[in-house]
Structures are given as structure tokens and as C-alpha cells.
């Protein structure tokens, strides 16, 4: 692990309050669920990068639900890395915008609780409340396997360098 700031998701409440500055790279997912751990794997690869900007924060968001809004609202730009069913071959990835995930006509009858709310629901709520950061970029990797098994599939492992390169391109050229 490098000297980059790596925020422990359990220590969020101890962080000083911030105005909306800097960039957060937020990894979502569970490494014990196969390719759902792609976000953390990308974050670990990025942590080894020696030339990251000083105002870049790497955070393992685990399986955050709606609480991710509280984490994101302190930053000017948030880059999210997660596994997602994007209709591609396993290991292929896409750069998405929040509008790509927010349903045009949400199904409010879909469920009666917020227990399973994820990224799309958090973005929809944040947009409704007007609390989203000015810039959100999502890197989604198509999973092969998301069962209860640790470790990434071969296609997901092969995606890590390309996703890291795309994120670094974003960070360096839009900083």
C-alpha cells in the first residue's frame, strides 16, 4: 500500500468536514462476491501510482447504499468503480454518466424498503435533493461471476489495467 490517503469506510465519521473540492475515487462492491470486488482491485492498483494529485482520495465504499451520498457530496468530482450488468462480455467495461443509470420512470412499487438500494437509487435521490457533486464518472465492469467466492474471474482481472489507465487519463487531463 502506498502513502496515498486510503479512507477506511468505518472511519468516515472521523474525517474533517470539507468544502466541495478534490476528487474522490470510490470503489463499490464486495470482494467476497467474485467480480463484485473489481472496484477494490482497481483501487488497490491505483494506490500504487506514484504521481497521483495531492487532492485525490481513494476510498473503499464496500456495499454502501444511500449513505454514499453523504460521502460524495464533499467532493468536486467523484469517480465510481463498480461491477455492473452493462450488457457486455465479461471483463468489458464502460465509462458512464449518472444519467445512464437513473431510470427515466422509476418503479416506486418495486420494493417497500431501501435495504437493497444501490448506486442507481443513490444517484436518483441525490439528483432529486440537488446534492450530487458537480461531476460524477462511473466506470462499470461487466462481471462474469458474482457468487459467494473470493477473487476475480480472469476477464475481470484483465480489465484492471485498462480501467486504471482510463481513470488516470481522467484524473491527469481534467485536473
Protein backbone atom coordinates (compact mmCIF):
# COMPACT_ATOMS: atom_id res chain seq x y z
CA UNK A 1 0.00 0.00 0.00
CA UNK A 2 1.36 3.46 -0.83
CA UNK A 3 1.28 6.63 1.21
CA UNK A 4 -1.87 7.80 -0.63
CA UNK A 5 -4.75 8.57 1.67
CA UNK A 6 -6.96 5.49 1.84
CA UNK A 7 -10.14 6.14 3.74
CA UNK A 8 -11.42 3.34 5.93
CA UNK A 9 -15.20 3.19 5.35
CA UNK A 10 -15.69 2.59 9.08
CA UNK A 11 -13.82 5.79 9.93
CA UNK A 12 -15.87 8.14 7.73
CA UNK A 13 -17.35 9.94 10.72
CA UNK A 14 -13.91 10.99 11.95
CA UNK A 15 -12.97 12.80 8.76
CA UNK A 16 -12.90 16.59 8.89
CA UNK A 17 -15.70 18.32 7.03
CA UNK A 18 -14.71 19.57 3.59
CA UNK A 19 -15.96 22.03 1.09
CA UNK A 20 -16.59 20.57 -2.36
CA UNK A 21 -13.01 20.24 -3.58
CA UNK A 22 -10.79 17.48 -4.84
CA UNK A 23 -11.54 14.16 -6.41
CA UNK A 24 -12.81 11.02 -4.74
CA UNK A 25 -12.31 7.62 -6.32
CA UNK A 26 -14.99 5.46 -4.70
CA UNK A 27 -14.79 1.69 -5.13
CA UNK A 28 -18.07 -0.14 -4.59
CA UNK A 29 -18.63 -3.85 -4.17
CA UNK A 30 -17.77 -6.88 -2.09
CA UNK A 31 -14.51 -8.76 -2.79
CA UNK A 32 -16.06 -11.91 -1.29
CA UNK A 33 -18.58 -11.96 -4.16
CA UNK A 34 -16.34 -12.74 -7.12
CA UNK A 35 -16.24 -9.96 -9.71
CA UNK A 36 -18.17 -7.64 -7.39
CA UNK A 37 -14.71 -6.96 -5.93
CA UNK A 38 -13.46 -5.25 -9.11
CA UNK A 39 -13.77 -1.78 -7.55
CA UNK A 40 -11.43 -2.63 -4.67
CA UNK A 41 -8.98 -4.34 -7.05
CA UNK A 42 -8.84 -1.21 -9.22
CA UNK A 43 -8.42 0.96 -6.11
CA UNK A 44 -5.51 -1.19 -4.91
CA UNK A 45 -3.84 -0.89 -8.31
CA UNK A 46 -4.30 2.89 -8.29
CA UNK A 47 -2.88 3.15 -4.76
CA UNK A 48 0.49 2.07 -6.19
CA UNK A 49 0.57 5.00 -8.63
CA UNK A 50 3.25 7.45 -7.53
CA UNK A 51 2.10 10.59 -9.37
CA UNK A 52 -1.46 10.99 -8.13
CA UNK A 53 -2.63 14.55 -7.38
CA UNK A 54 -2.49 15.57 -3.72
CA UNK A 55 -6.24 16.23 -3.57
CA UNK A 56 -7.18 12.73 -4.78
CA UNK A 57 -8.78 10.45 -2.19
CA UNK A 58 -9.12 6.68 -2.65
CA UNK A 59 -11.97 5.12 -0.69
CA UNK A 60 -13.28 1.60 -0.37
CA UNK A 61 -17.03 2.15 -0.18
CA UNK A 62 -17.87 -1.53 0.27
CA UNK A 63 -21.55 -2.14 -0.31
CA UNK A 64 -22.68 1.41 0.53
CA UNK A 65 -26.29 2.16 -0.07
CA UNK A 66 -27.84 5.59 0.09
CA UNK A 67 -25.20 6.72 2.59
CA UNK A 68 -22.78 7.12 -0.32
CA UNK A 69 -24.49 10.46 -0.95
CA UNK A 70 -23.05 11.81 2.29
CA UNK A 71 -19.59 10.67 1.25
CA UNK A 72 -19.80 12.05 -2.29
CA UNK A 73 -21.21 15.49 -1.54
CA UNK A 74 -17.89 16.75 -0.13
CA UNK A 75 -16.09 16.45 -3.45
CA UNK A 76 -15.98 18.41 -6.70
CA UNK A 77 -15.55 15.23 -8.73
CA UNK A 78 -16.35 11.59 -7.88
CA UNK A 79 -15.13 8.64 -9.91
CA UNK A 80 -17.01 5.45 -9.04
CA UNK A 81 -15.69 1.98 -9.89
CA UNK A 82 -18.07 -0.97 -9.65
CA UNK A 83 -19.18 -4.18 -11.28
CA UNK A 84 -22.36 -3.76 -13.24
CA UNK A 85 -24.57 -5.55 -15.70
CA UNK A 86 -23.92 -3.32 -18.68
CA UNK A 87 -24.83 -5.87 -21.35
CA UNK A 88 -21.29 -6.58 -22.48
CA UNK A 89 -18.94 -9.55 -22.45
CA UNK A 90 -17.39 -10.36 -19.05
CA UNK A 91 -14.44 -8.08 -18.34
CA UNK A 92 -15.54 -5.38 -20.77
CA UNK A 93 -16.09 -2.02 -19.18
CA UNK A 94 -17.76 1.29 -19.91
CA UNK A 95 -17.47 4.87 -18.75
CA UNK A 96 -20.94 6.02 -17.73
CA UNK A 97 -22.69 9.15 -16.51
CA UNK A 98 -25.28 9.19 -13.73
CA UNK A 99 -28.00 9.68 -16.36
CA UNK A 100 -27.06 6.31 -17.81
CA UNK A 101 -28.07 4.61 -14.54
CA UNK A 102 -31.05 6.64 -13.39
CA UNK A 103 -34.27 5.14 -14.77
CA UNK A 104 -36.41 7.58 -16.74
CA UNK A 105 -39.53 6.31 -14.99
CA UNK A 106 -38.61 4.83 -11.62
CA UNK A 107 -40.72 1.95 -10.37
CA UNK A 108 -41.65 3.09 -6.86
CA UNK A 109 -43.63 -0.12 -6.29
CA UNK A 110 -40.57 -2.25 -6.97
CA UNK A 111 -39.88 -2.76 -3.26
CA UNK A 112 -41.13 -1.48 0.03
CA UNK A 113 -37.76 -0.91 1.75
CA UNK A 114 -34.49 0.85 0.99
CA UNK A 115 -32.42 -2.15 2.14
CA UNK A 116 -31.31 -3.05 -1.38
CA UNK A 117 -30.78 0.48 -2.67
CA UNK A 118 -27.56 0.83 -4.60
CA UNK A 119 -25.80 3.23 -6.90
CA UNK A 120 -28.70 4.00 -9.26
CA UNK A 121 -31.06 4.70 -6.36
CA UNK A 122 -28.48 6.85 -4.57
CA UNK A 123 -27.89 8.88 -7.72
CA UNK A 124 -31.62 9.30 -8.27
CA UNK A 125 -32.15 10.50 -4.69
CA UNK A 126 -29.09 12.79 -4.86
CA UNK A 127 -30.35 14.34 -8.10
CA UNK A 128 -33.79 14.86 -6.59
CA UNK A 129 -32.31 16.52 -3.49
CA UNK A 130 -29.79 18.52 -5.52
CA UNK A 131 -26.80 17.26 -3.51
CA UNK A 132 -24.76 15.42 -6.14
CA UNK A 133 -21.20 16.59 -6.80
CA UNK A 134 -20.70 18.72 -9.93
CA UNK A 135 -19.02 15.83 -11.76
CA UNK A 136 -19.63 12.08 -11.41
CA UNK A 137 -17.98 9.50 -13.64
CA UNK A 138 -18.74 5.80 -13.33
CA UNK A 139 -16.51 3.00 -14.56
CA UNK A 140 -18.56 -0.19 -14.68
CA UNK A 141 -17.06 -3.60 -15.45
CA UNK A 142 -19.26 -6.43 -16.71
CA UNK A 143 -18.91 -9.32 -14.23
CA UNK A 144 -18.64 -12.99 -15.09
CA UNK A 145 -19.36 -14.35 -11.60
CA UNK A 146 -20.79 -12.65 -8.53
CA UNK A 147 -21.48 -15.63 -6.28
CA UNK A 148 -20.03 -16.17 -2.83
CA UNK A 149 -16.44 -16.82 -3.82
CA UNK A 150 -13.42 -14.60 -3.23
CA UNK A 151 -11.29 -13.45 -6.12
CA UNK A 152 -11.90 -12.05 -9.56
CA UNK A 153 -12.53 -14.04 -12.72
CA UNK A 154 -9.86 -13.96 -15.42
CA UNK A 155 -11.84 -11.47 -17.57
CA UNK A 156 -12.27 -9.08 -14.63
CA UNK A 157 -8.57 -9.32 -13.74
CA UNK A 158 -7.64 -8.47 -17.33
CA UNK A 159 -9.84 -5.34 -17.17
CA UNK A 160 -7.94 -3.78 -14.25
CA UNK A 161 -5.05 -2.18 -16.23
CA UNK A 162 -7.38 -0.65 -18.82
CA UNK A 163 -9.79 0.73 -16.22
CA UNK A 164 -6.86 2.15 -14.23
CA UNK A 165 -5.45 3.78 -17.37
CA UNK A 166 -8.83 5.35 -18.18
CA UNK A 167 -9.19 6.68 -14.64
CA UNK A 168 -5.65 8.09 -14.65
CA UNK A 169 -6.33 9.74 -18.02
CA UNK A 170 -9.40 11.38 -16.48
CA UNK A 171 -7.52 12.46 -13.36
CA UNK A 172 -4.45 13.84 -15.17
CA UNK A 173 -6.17 15.54 -18.08
CA UNK A 174 -9.13 17.02 -16.27
CA UNK A 175 -7.32 18.13 -13.15
